[in-house]
All heavy atoms as atom14 arrays in JSON, in Angstrom:
{
  "sequence": "IVISARGREQDKIAALDAGADDYLTKPFGMGELLARLRVALRRAAADG",
  "atom14_mask": [
    [1, 1, 1, 1, 1, 1, 1, 1, 0, 0, 0, 0, 0, 0],
    [1, 1, 1, 1, 1, 1, 1, 0, 0, 0, 0, 0, 0, 0],
    [1, 1, 1, 1, 1, 1, 1, 1, 0, 0, 0, 0, 0, 0],
    [1, 1, 1, 1, 1, 1, 0, 0, 0, 0, 0, 0, 0, 0],
    [1, 1, 1, 1, 1, 0, 0, 0, 0, 0, 0, 0, 0, 0],
    [1, 1, 1, 1, 1, 1, 1, 1, 1, 1, 1, 0, 0, 0],
    [1, 1, 1, 1, 0, 0, 0, 0, 0, 0, 0, 0, 0, 0],
    [1, 1, 1, 1, 1, 1, 1, 1, 1, 1, 1, 0, 0, 0],
    [1, 1, 1, 1, 1, 1, 1, 1, 1, 0, 0, 0, 0, 0],
    [1, 1, 1, 1, 1, 1, 1, 1, 1, 0, 0, 0, 0, 0],
    [1, 1, 1, 1, 1, 1, 1, 1, 0, 0, 0, 0, 0, 0],
    [1, 1, 1, 1, 1, 1, 1, 1, 1, 0, 0, 0, 0, 0],
    [1, 1, 1, 1, 1, 1, 1, 1, 0, 0, 0, 0, 0, 0],
    [1, 1, 1, 1, 1, 0, 0, 0, 0, 0, 0, 0, 0, 0],
    [1, 1, 1, 1, 1, 0, 0, 0, 0, 0, 0, 0, 0, 0],
    [1, 1, 1, 1, 1, 1, 1, 1, 0, 0, 0, 0, 0, 0],
    [1, 1, 1, 1, 1, 1, 1, 1, 0, 0, 0, 0, 0, 0],
    [1, 1, 1, 1, 1, 0, 0, 0, 0, 0, 0, 0, 0, 0],
    [1, 1, 1, 1, 0, 0, 0, 0, 0, 0, 0, 0, 0, 0],
    [1, 1, 1, 1, 1, 0, 0, 0, 0, 0, 0, 0, 0, 0],
    [1, 1, 1, 1, 1, 1, 1, 1, 0, 0, 0, 0, 0, 0],
    [1, 1, 1, 1, 1, 1, 1, 1, 0, 0, 0, 0, 0, 0],
    [1, 1, 1, 1, 1, 1, 1, 1, 1, 1, 1, 1, 0, 0],
    [1, 1, 1, 1, 1, 1, 1, 1, 0, 0, 0, 0, 0, 0],
    [1, 1, 1, 1, 1, 1, 1, 0, 0, 0, 0, 0, 0, 0],
    [1, 1, 1, 1, 1, 1, 1, 1, 1, 0, 0, 0, 0, 0],
    [1, 1, 1, 1, 1, 1, 1, 0, 0, 0, 0, 0, 0, 0],
    [1, 1, 1, 1, 1, 1, 1, 1, 1, 1, 1, 0, 0, 0],
    [1, 1, 1, 1, 0, 0, 0, 0, 0, 0, 0, 0, 0, 0],
    [1, 1, 1, 1, 1, 1, 1, 1, 0, 0, 0, 0, 0, 0],
    [1, 1, 1, 1, 0, 0, 0, 0, 0, 0, 0, 0, 0, 0],
    [1, 1, 1, 1, 1, 1, 1, 1, 1, 0, 0, 0, 0, 0],
    [1, 1, 1, 1, 1, 1, 1, 1, 0, 0, 0, 0, 0, 0],
    [1, 1, 1, 1, 1, 1, 1, 1, 0, 0, 0, 0, 0, 0],
    [1, 1, 1, 1, 1, 0, 0, 0, 0, 0, 0, 0, 0, 0],
    [1, 1, 1, 1, 1, 1, 1, 1, 1, 1, 1, 0, 0, 0],
    [1, 1, 1, 1, 1, 1, 1, 1, 0, 0, 0, 0, 0, 0],
    [1, 1, 1, 1, 1, 1, 1, 1, 1, 1, 1, 0, 0, 0],
    [1, 1, 1, 1, 1, 1, 1, 0, 0, 0, 0, 0, 0, 0],
    [1, 1, 1, 1, 1, 0, 0, 0, 0, 0, 0, 0, 0, 0],
    [1, 1, 1, 1, 1, 1, 1, 1, 0, 0, 0, 0, 0, 0],
    [1, 1, 1, 1, 1, 1, 1, 1, 1, 1, 1, 0, 0, 0],
    [1, 1, 1, 1, 1, 1, 1, 1, 1, 1, 1, 0, 0, 0],
    [1, 1, 1, 1, 1, 0, 0, 0, 0, 0, 0, 0, 0, 0],
    [1, 1, 1, 1, 1, 0, 0, 0, 0, 0, 0, 0, 0, 0],
    [1, 1, 1, 1, 1, 0, 0, 0, 0, 0, 0, 0, 0, 0],
    [1, 1, 1, 1, 1, 1, 1, 1, 0, 0, 0, 0, 0, 0],
    [1, 1, 1, 1, 0, 0, 0, 0, 0, 0, 0, 0, 0, 0]
  ],
  "atom14_positions": [
    [[0.85, -1.16, 0.05], [-0.04, -0.01, 0.09], [0.92, 1.27, 0.08], [1.7, 1.41, 0.97], [-0.95, 0.07, 1.29], [-1.75, -1.16, 1.34], [-1.75, 1.29, 1.24], [-2.69, -1.33, 2.49], [0.0, 0.0, 0.0], [0.0, 0.0, 0.0], [0.0, 0.0, 0.0], [0.0, 0.0, 0.0], [0.0, 0.0, 0.0], [0.0, 0.0, 0.0]],
    [[0.82, 2.03, -1.12], [1.6, 3.2, -1.15], [0.91, 4.31, -0.3], [-0.37, 4.51, -0.32], [1.73, 3.73, -2.63], [2.27, 5.12, -2.69], [2.61, 2.71, -3.38], [0.0, 0.0, 0.0], [0.0, 0.0, 0.0], [0.0, 0.0, 0.0], [0.0, 0.0, 0.0], [0.0, 0.0, 0.0], [0.0, 0.0, 0.0], [0.0, 0.0, 0.0]],
    [[1.73, 5.03, 0.53], [1.28, 6.24, 1.32], [2.15, 7.32, 0.85], [3.37, 7.38, 1.21], [1.35, 5.97, 2.81], [2.59, 5.26, 3.21], [0.06, 5.02, 3.1], [2.81, 5.2, 4.71], [0.0, 0.0, 0.0], [0.0, 0.0, 0.0], [0.0, 0.0, 0.0], [0.0, 0.0, 0.0], [0.0, 0.0, 0.0], [0.0, 0.0, 0.0]],
    [[1.59, 8.3, 0.09], [2.61, 9.3, -0.56], [1.86, 10.63, -0.47], [0.65, 10.74, -0.72], [2.94, 8.85, -1.97], [3.72, 9.78, -2.48], [0.0, 0.0, 0.0], [0.0, 0.0, 0.0], [0.0, 0.0, 0.0], [0.0, 0.0, 0.0], [0.0, 0.0, 0.0], [0.0, 0.0, 0.0], [0.0, 0.0, 0.0], [0.0, 0.0, 0.0]],
    [[2.62, 11.76, -0.5], [2.16, 13.13, -0.78], [1.91, 13.46, -2.13], [1.33, 14.34, -2.48], [3.16, 14.09, -0.08], [0.0, 0.0, 0.0], [0.0, 0.0, 0.0], [0.0, 0.0, 0.0], [0.0, 0.0, 0.0], [0.0, 0.0, 0.0], [0.0, 0.0, 0.0], [0.0, 0.0, 0.0], [0.0, 0.0, 0.0], [0.0, 0.0, 0.0]],
    [[2.36, 12.57, -3.07], [2.17, 12.78, -4.5], [0.77, 12.22, -4.75], [0.38, 11.17, -4.72], [3.06, 11.79, -5.35], [4.65, 12.13, -5.04], [5.45, 11.07, -5.99], [6.86, 11.07, -5.49], [7.67, 10.28, -6.06], [7.39, 9.35, -7.0], [8.9, 10.25, -5.58], [0.0, 0.0, 0.0], [0.0, 0.0, 0.0], [0.0, 0.0, 0.0]],
    [[-0.07, 13.32, -5.1], [-1.54, 12.92, -5.47], [-1.83, 13.0, -6.86], [-3.03, 12.82, -7.27], [0.0, 0.0, 0.0], [0.0, 0.0, 0.0], [0.0, 0.0, 0.0], [0.0, 0.0, 0.0], [0.0, 0.0, 0.0], [0.0, 0.0, 0.0], [0.0, 0.0, 0.0], [0.0, 0.0, 0.0], [0.0, 0.0, 0.0], [0.0, 0.0, 0.0]],
    [[-0.82, 13.2, -7.87], [-1.17, 13.23, -9.25], [-1.56, 11.87, -9.65], [-1.09, 10.79, -9.29], [0.02, 13.69, -10.11], [0.48, 15.13, -9.69], [1.64, 15.49, -10.59], [2.66, 14.46, -10.62], [3.69, 14.33, -11.48], [3.62, 15.25, -12.53], [4.52, 13.43, -11.51], [0.0, 0.0, 0.0], [0.0, 0.0, 0.0], [0.0, 0.0, 0.0]],
    [[-2.62, 11.81, -10.74], [-3.09, 10.63, -11.33], [-1.9, 9.78, -11.84], [-1.89, 8.6, -11.77], [-4.11, 10.93, -12.3], [-4.75, 9.7, -12.85], [-5.85, 10.04, -13.98], [-6.81, 10.86, -13.5], [-5.83, 9.5, -14.97], [0.0, 0.0, 0.0], [0.0, 0.0, 0.0], [0.0, 0.0, 0.0], [0.0, 0.0, 0.0], [0.0, 0.0, 0.0]],
    [[-0.91, 10.56, -12.48], [0.14, 9.77, -13.13], [1.01, 8.95, -12.1], [1.45, 7.97, -12.39], [1.11, 10.74, -13.8], [0.36, 11.49, -15.06], [-0.03, 12.9, -14.41], [-0.74, 13.09, -13.47], [0.46, 14.05, -15.06], [0.0, 0.0, 0.0], [0.0, 0.0, 0.0], [0.0, 0.0, 0.0], [0.0, 0.0, 0.0], [0.0, 0.0, 0.0]],
    [[1.16, 9.52, -10.84], [1.98, 8.93, -9.82], [1.15, 7.67, -9.37], [1.81, 6.62, -9.15], [2.18, 9.8, -8.73], [3.26, 11.0, -9.12], [4.09, 10.64, -9.78], [2.86, 12.18, -8.68], [0.0, 0.0, 0.0], [0.0, 0.0, 0.0], [0.0, 0.0, 0.0], [0.0, 0.0, 0.0], [0.0, 0.0, 0.0], [0.0, 0.0, 0.0]],
    [[-0.27, 7.73, -9.25], [-0.97, 6.68, -8.8], [-0.87, 5.51, -9.84], [-0.62, 4.39, -9.54], [-2.37, 7.06, -8.55], [-2.55, 8.02, -7.38], [-4.04, 8.55, -7.21], [-4.02, 9.45, -6.08], [-5.58, 9.9, -5.93], [0.0, 0.0, 0.0], [0.0, 0.0, 0.0], [0.0, 0.0, 0.0], [0.0, 0.0, 0.0], [0.0, 0.0, 0.0]],
    [[-1.11, 5.84, -11.16], [-1.03, 4.94, -12.17], [0.36, 4.28, -12.19], [0.48, 2.95, -12.44], [-1.37, 5.5, -13.53], [-2.8, 6.08, -13.53], [-1.07, 4.55, -14.71], [-3.22, 6.89, -14.71], [0.0, 0.0, 0.0], [0.0, 0.0, 0.0], [0.0, 0.0, 0.0], [0.0, 0.0, 0.0], [0.0, 0.0, 0.0], [0.0, 0.0, 0.0]],
    [[1.41, 4.98, -12.17], [2.83, 4.41, -12.18], [2.98, 3.39, -11.05], [3.5, 2.25, -11.26], [3.84, 5.45, -12.01], [0.0, 0.0, 0.0], [0.0, 0.0, 0.0], [0.0, 0.0, 0.0], [0.0, 0.0, 0.0], [0.0, 0.0, 0.0], [0.0, 0.0, 0.0], [0.0, 0.0, 0.0], [0.0, 0.0, 0.0], [0.0, 0.0, 0.0]],
    [[2.53, 3.74, -9.84], [2.74, 2.96, -8.65], [1.95, 1.6, -8.78], [2.5, 0.59, -8.59], [2.37, 3.67, -7.39], [0.0, 0.0, 0.0], [0.0, 0.0, 0.0], [0.0, 0.0, 0.0], [0.0, 0.0, 0.0], [0.0, 0.0, 0.0], [0.0, 0.0, 0.0], [0.0, 0.0, 0.0], [0.0, 0.0, 0.0], [0.0, 0.0, 0.0]],
    [[0.68, 1.76, -9.27], [-0.09, 0.6, -9.39], [0.34, -0.37, -10.6], [0.38, -1.52, -10.47], [-1.56, 1.02, -9.65], [-2.33, 1.69, -8.49], [-3.6, 2.28, -8.87], [-2.46, 0.73, -7.35], [0.0, 0.0, 0.0], [0.0, 0.0, 0.0], [0.0, 0.0, 0.0], [0.0, 0.0, 0.0], [0.0, 0.0, 0.0], [0.0, 0.0, 0.0]],
    [[0.82, 0.28, -11.66], [1.27, -0.46, -12.75], [2.64, -1.2, -12.34], [2.86, -2.33, -12.97], [1.63, 0.44, -14.0], [0.47, 0.77, -14.77], [-0.61, 0.07, -14.66], [0.49, 1.69, -15.56], [0.0, 0.0, 0.0], [0.0, 0.0, 0.0], [0.0, 0.0, 0.0], [0.0, 0.0, 0.0], [0.0, 0.0, 0.0], [0.0, 0.0, 0.0]],
    [[3.35, -0.63, -11.45], [4.61, -1.23, -10.93], [4.39, -2.43, -9.96], [5.24, -3.29, -9.83], [5.44, -0.32, -10.13], [0.0, 0.0, 0.0], [0.0, 0.0, 0.0], [0.0, 0.0, 0.0], [0.0, 0.0, 0.0], [0.0, 0.0, 0.0], [0.0, 0.0, 0.0], [0.0, 0.0, 0.0], [0.0, 0.0, 0.0], [0.0, 0.0, 0.0]],
    [[3.09, -2.66, -9.55], [2.79, -3.7, -8.7], [2.11, -3.36, -7.34], [1.87, -4.24, -6.57], [0.0, 0.0, 0.0], [0.0, 0.0, 0.0], [0.0, 0.0, 0.0], [0.0, 0.0, 0.0], [0.0, 0.0, 0.0], [0.0, 0.0, 0.0], [0.0, 0.0, 0.0], [0.0, 0.0, 0.0], [0.0, 0.0, 0.0], [0.0, 0.0, 0.0]],
    [[1.95, -2.09, -7.07], [1.3, -1.68, -5.84], [-0.21, -2.22, -5.83], [-0.85, -2.24, -6.85], [1.41, -0.26, -5.53], [0.0, 0.0, 0.0], [0.0, 0.0, 0.0], [0.0, 0.0, 0.0], [0.0, 0.0, 0.0], [0.0, 0.0, 0.0], [0.0, 0.0, 0.0], [0.0, 0.0, 0.0], [0.0, 0.0, 0.0], [0.0, 0.0, 0.0]],
    [[-0.64, -2.57, -4.61], [-2.1, -3.04, -4.52], [-2.94, -1.8, -4.23], [-4.12, -1.98, -4.51], [-2.17, -4.04, -3.43], [-1.33, -5.35, -3.71], [-1.92, -6.16, -4.36], [-0.09, -5.36, -3.31], [0.0, 0.0, 0.0], [0.0, 0.0, 0.0], [0.0, 0.0, 0.0], [0.0, 0.0, 0.0], [0.0, 0.0, 0.0], [0.0, 0.0, 0.0]],
    [[-2.48, -0.78, -3.68], [-3.4, 0.25, -3.22], [-2.53, 1.6, -3.05], [-1.3, 1.55, -2.96], [-4.09, -0.07, -1.86], [-5.48, 0.61, -1.75], [-5.71, 1.56, -2.53], [-6.21, 0.21, -0.89], [0.0, 0.0, 0.0], [0.0, 0.0, 0.0], [0.0, 0.0, 0.0], [0.0, 0.0, 0.0], [0.0, 0.0, 0.0], [0.0, 0.0, 0.0]],
    [[-3.31, 2.8, -2.99], [-2.52, 3.98, -3.01], [-3.37, 5.07, -2.15], [-4.49, 5.26, -2.35], [-2.44, 4.5, -4.38], [-1.39, 5.71, -4.52], [-0.31, 5.54, -5.25], [-1.71, 6.97, -4.07], [0.62, 6.65, -5.5], [-0.84, 7.96, -4.3], [0.38, 7.78, -4.95], [1.22, 8.81, -5.13], [0.0, 0.0, 0.0], [0.0, 0.0, 0.0]],
    [[-2.73, 5.54, -1.02], [-3.33, 6.53, -0.19], [-2.5, 7.85, -0.24], [-1.25, 7.74, -0.1], [-3.41, 6.01, 1.29], [-4.6, 5.22, 1.68], [-4.39, 4.73, 3.16], [-5.8, 5.96, 1.69], [0.0, 0.0, 0.0], [0.0, 0.0, 0.0], [0.0, 0.0, 0.0], [0.0, 0.0, 0.0], [0.0, 0.0, 0.0], [0.0, 0.0, 0.0]],
    [[-3.2, 8.95, -0.43], [-2.48, 10.21, -0.52], [-2.47, 10.75, 0.86], [-3.57, 10.89, 1.51], [-3.22, 11.07, -1.51], [-3.33, 10.56, -2.78], [-2.44, 12.42, -1.68], [0.0, 0.0, 0.0], [0.0, 0.0, 0.0], [0.0, 0.0, 0.0], [0.0, 0.0, 0.0], [0.0, 0.0, 0.0], [0.0, 0.0, 0.0], [0.0, 0.0, 0.0]],
    [[-1.29, 11.32, 1.23], [-1.19, 12.03, 2.45], [-1.8, 13.44, 2.4], [-1.61, 13.99, 1.38], [0.27, 12.23, 2.89], [1.06, 10.86, 3.1], [2.4, 11.08, 3.34], [3.33, 9.8, 3.53], [4.76, 10.18, 3.66], [0.0, 0.0, 0.0], [0.0, 0.0, 0.0], [0.0, 0.0, 0.0], [0.0, 0.0, 0.0], [0.0, 0.0, 0.0]],
    [[-2.46, 13.9, 3.43], [-2.75, 13.24, 4.71], [-4.05, 12.42, 4.53], [-4.92, 12.64, 3.69], [-3.12, 14.44, 5.63], [-3.58, 15.54, 4.84], [-2.82, 15.33, 3.45], [0.0, 0.0, 0.0], [0.0, 0.0, 0.0], [0.0, 0.0, 0.0], [0.0, 0.0, 0.0], [0.0, 0.0, 0.0], [0.0, 0.0, 0.0], [0.0, 0.0, 0.0]],
    [[-4.04, 11.28, 5.34], [-5.21, 10.44, 5.2], [-5.61, 10.11, 6.65], [-4.87, 10.27, 7.61], [-4.68, 9.05, 4.51], [-3.48, 8.56, 5.1], [-3.47, 7.63, 6.27], [-2.34, 8.67, 4.43], [-2.39, 7.11, 6.7], [-1.17, 8.08, 5.05], [-1.22, 7.36, 6.21], [0.0, 0.0, 0.0], [0.0, 0.0, 0.0], [0.0, 0.0, 0.0]],
    [[-6.89, 9.58, 6.74], [-7.4, 9.18, 8.04], [-7.13, 7.82, 8.46], [-6.9, 6.84, 7.61], [0.0, 0.0, 0.0], [0.0, 0.0, 0.0], [0.0, 0.0, 0.0], [0.0, 0.0, 0.0], [0.0, 0.0, 0.0], [0.0, 0.0, 0.0], [0.0, 0.0, 0.0], [0.0, 0.0, 0.0], [0.0, 0.0, 0.0], [0.0, 0.0, 0.0]],
    [[-6.81, 7.56, 9.67], [-6.55, 6.26, 10.18], [-7.59, 5.23, 9.95], [-7.25, 4.11, 9.7], [-6.01, 6.32, 11.71], [-5.59, 4.86, 12.26], [-4.32, 4.24, 11.22], [-3.03, 5.34, 11.25], [0.0, 0.0, 0.0], [0.0, 0.0, 0.0], [0.0, 0.0, 0.0], [0.0, 0.0, 0.0], [0.0, 0.0, 0.0], [0.0, 0.0, 0.0]],
    [[-8.91, 5.64, 10.01], [-9.86, 4.68, 9.75], [-9.78, 4.04, 8.33], [-9.88, 3.09, 8.05], [0.0, 0.0, 0.0], [0.0, 0.0, 0.0], [0.0, 0.0, 0.0], [0.0, 0.0, 0.0], [0.0, 0.0, 0.0], [0.0, 0.0, 0.0], [0.0, 0.0, 0.0], [0.0, 0.0, 0.0], [0.0, 0.0, 0.0], [0.0, 0.0, 0.0]],
    [[-9.44, 4.97, 7.38], [-9.36, 4.55, 5.94], [-8.22, 3.64, 5.8], [-8.23, 2.57, 5.08], [-9.27, 5.85, 5.01], [-9.26, 5.29, 3.65], [-9.14, 6.58, 2.63], [-8.97, 7.69, 3.09], [-9.24, 6.24, 1.4], [0.0, 0.0, 0.0], [0.0, 0.0, 0.0], [0.0, 0.0, 0.0], [0.0, 0.0, 0.0], [0.0, 0.0, 0.0]],
    [[-7.06, 4.03, 6.39], [-5.82, 3.09, 6.25], [-6.13, 1.76, 6.96], [-5.78, 0.67, 6.28], [-4.72, 3.71, 7.09], [-3.42, 2.87, 7.1], [-3.03, 2.43, 5.66], [-2.3, 3.55, 7.85], [0.0, 0.0, 0.0], [0.0, 0.0, 0.0], [0.0, 0.0, 0.0], [0.0, 0.0, 0.0], [0.0, 0.0, 0.0], [0.0, 0.0, 0.0]],
    [[-6.78, 1.7, 8.06], [-7.18, 0.44, 8.66], [-8.0, -0.41, 7.77], [-7.82, -1.7, 7.62], [-7.86, 0.58, 10.04], [-6.95, 1.08, 11.1], [-7.71, 1.55, 12.36], [-5.84, 0.18, 11.61], [0.0, 0.0, 0.0], [0.0, 0.0, 0.0], [0.0, 0.0, 0.0], [0.0, 0.0, 0.0], [0.0, 0.0, 0.0], [0.0, 0.0, 0.0]],
    [[-9.03, 0.19, 7.11], [-9.82, -0.5, 6.15], [-9.12, -1.03, 5.0], [-9.28, -2.28, 4.66], [-10.89, 0.44, 5.67], [0.0, 0.0, 0.0], [0.0, 0.0, 0.0], [0.0, 0.0, 0.0], [0.0, 0.0, 0.0], [0.0, 0.0, 0.0], [0.0, 0.0, 0.0], [0.0, 0.0, 0.0], [0.0, 0.0, 0.0], [0.0, 0.0, 0.0]],
    [[-8.16, -0.23, 4.52], [-7.33, -0.76, 3.35], [-6.31, -1.91, 3.8], [-6.15, -2.89, 2.97], [-6.43, 0.44, 2.83], [-7.2, 1.76, 2.43], [-7.84, 1.6, 1.09], [-8.53, 2.83, 0.76], [-8.04, 3.68, -0.23], [-7.01, 3.4, -0.87], [-8.72, 4.74, -0.5], [0.0, 0.0, 0.0], [0.0, 0.0, 0.0], [0.0, 0.0, 0.0]],
    [[-5.96, -1.81, 5.04], [-5.15, -2.97, 5.52], [-5.87, -4.26, 5.61], [-5.43, -5.35, 5.31], [-4.5, -2.53, 6.97], [-3.26, -1.63, 6.84], [-2.99, -1.22, 8.37], [-2.11, -2.42, 6.25], [0.0, 0.0, 0.0], [0.0, 0.0, 0.0], [0.0, 0.0, 0.0], [0.0, 0.0, 0.0], [0.0, 0.0, 0.0], [0.0, 0.0, 0.0]],
    [[-7.17, -4.09, 6.15], [-7.98, -5.33, 6.2], [-8.16, -6.01, 4.95], [-8.24, -7.27, 4.68], [-9.33, -5.0, 6.98], [-9.14, -4.64, 8.46], [-10.36, -4.57, 9.07], [-11.28, -3.54, 8.75], [-11.31, -2.28, 9.27], [-10.45, -2.08, 10.24], [-12.11, -1.44, 8.76], [0.0, 0.0, 0.0], [0.0, 0.0, 0.0], [0.0, 0.0, 0.0]],
    [[-8.52, -5.09, 3.86], [-8.75, -5.8, 2.48], [-7.45, -6.33, 1.95], [-7.56, -7.41, 1.44], [-9.16, -4.45, 1.53], [-9.21, -4.95, 0.09], [-10.52, -4.03, 2.04], [0.0, 0.0, 0.0], [0.0, 0.0, 0.0], [0.0, 0.0, 0.0], [0.0, 0.0, 0.0], [0.0, 0.0, 0.0], [0.0, 0.0, 0.0], [0.0, 0.0, 0.0]],
    [[-6.27, -5.61, 2.29], [-5.04, -6.2, 1.67], [-4.73, -7.6, 2.28], [-4.29, -8.52, 1.69], [-3.91, -5.2, 1.96], [0.0, 0.0, 0.0], [0.0, 0.0, 0.0], [0.0, 0.0, 0.0], [0.0, 0.0, 0.0], [0.0, 0.0, 0.0], [0.0, 0.0, 0.0], [0.0, 0.0, 0.0], [0.0, 0.0, 0.0], [0.0, 0.0, 0.0]],
    [[-5.02, -7.74, 3.6], [-4.77, -8.94, 4.23], [-5.64, -10.11, 3.91], [-5.33, -11.23, 3.85], [-4.84, -8.66, 5.85], [-3.69, -7.91, 6.36], [-3.98, -7.36, 7.92], [-2.35, -8.67, 6.33], [0.0, 0.0, 0.0], [0.0, 0.0, 0.0], [0.0, 0.0, 0.0], [0.0, 0.0, 0.0], [0.0, 0.0, 0.0], [0.0, 0.0, 0.0]],
    [[-6.91, -9.73, 3.61], [-7.86, -10.78, 3.16], [-7.37, -11.16, 1.87], [-7.49, -12.4, 1.59], [-9.3, -10.14, 3.12], [-9.96, -9.96, 4.48], [-11.42, -9.82, 4.38], [-11.77, -8.64, 3.52], [-12.08, -7.38, 4.09], [-11.98, -7.35, 5.5], [-12.39, -6.43, 3.3], [0.0, 0.0, 0.0], [0.0, 0.0, 0.0], [0.0, 0.0, 0.0]],
    [[-6.99, -10.3, 0.99], [-6.54, -10.76, -0.37], [-5.29, -11.69, -0.33], [-5.22, -12.66, -1.01], [-6.09, -9.51, -1.23], [-7.34, -8.8, -1.69], [-6.95, -7.55, -2.54], [-8.06, -6.78, -3.04], [-7.97, -5.47, -3.44], [-6.84, -4.98, -3.51], [-8.98, -4.84, -3.82], [0.0, 0.0, 0.0], [0.0, 0.0, 0.0], [0.0, 0.0, 0.0]],
    [[-4.43, -11.29, 0.54], [-3.16, -12.0, 0.73], [-3.52, -13.42, 1.34], [-2.87, -14.49, 0.82], [-2.18, -11.37, 1.69], [0.0, 0.0, 0.0], [0.0, 0.0, 0.0], [0.0, 0.0, 0.0], [0.0, 0.0, 0.0], [0.0, 0.0, 0.0], [0.0, 0.0, 0.0], [0.0, 0.0, 0.0], [0.0, 0.0, 0.0], [0.0, 0.0, 0.0]],
    [[-4.43, -13.6, 2.15], [-4.85, -14.9, 2.79], [-5.39, -15.71, 1.63], [-5.16, -17.06, 1.62], [-5.76, -14.69, 3.85], [0.0, 0.0, 0.0], [0.0, 0.0, 0.0], [0.0, 0.0, 0.0], [0.0, 0.0, 0.0], [0.0, 0.0, 0.0], [0.0, 0.0, 0.0], [0.0, 0.0, 0.0], [0.0, 0.0, 0.0], [0.0, 0.0, 0.0]],
    [[-6.08, -15.08, 0.73], [-6.66, -15.95, -0.3], [-5.67, -16.26, -1.38], [-5.75, -17.43, -1.97], [-7.84, -15.14, -1.06], [0.0, 0.0, 0.0], [0.0, 0.0, 0.0], [0.0, 0.0, 0.0], [0.0, 0.0, 0.0], [0.0, 0.0, 0.0], [0.0, 0.0, 0.0], [0.0, 0.0, 0.0], [0.0, 0.0, 0.0], [0.0, 0.0, 0.0]],
    [[-4.7, -15.4, -1.71], [-3.81, -15.56, -2.81], [-2.5, -16.23, -2.39], [-1.87, -17.01, -3.21], [-3.39, -14.28, -3.38], [-4.65, -13.64, -4.06], [-5.67, -14.33, -4.28], [-4.53, -12.37, -4.32], [0.0, 0.0, 0.0], [0.0, 0.0, 0.0], [0.0, 0.0, 0.0], [0.0, 0.0, 0.0], [0.0, 0.0, 0.0], [0.0, 0.0, 0.0]],
    [[-2.08, -16.2, -1.09], [-0.81, -16.69, -0.74], [0.36, -15.71, -1.15], [0.08, -14.89, -2.05], [0.0, 0.0, 0.0], [0.0, 0.0, 0.0], [0.0, 0.0, 0.0], [0.0, 0.0, 0.0], [0.0, 0.0, 0.0], [0.0, 0.0, 0.0], [0.0, 0.0, 0.0], [0.0, 0.0, 0.0], [0.0, 0.0, 0.0], [0.0, 0.0, 0.0]]
  ]
}
């Protein structure tokens, strides 16, 4: 999960194309980060 101050669409696309699973732009709320973490962990448990 990328956490970055870079909020441009090109940066998000580049990170996701490189293999990132998600992208959060700083500043972000902890509730949103926790939700993204739960989703990522569920996917990892399914995929290995």
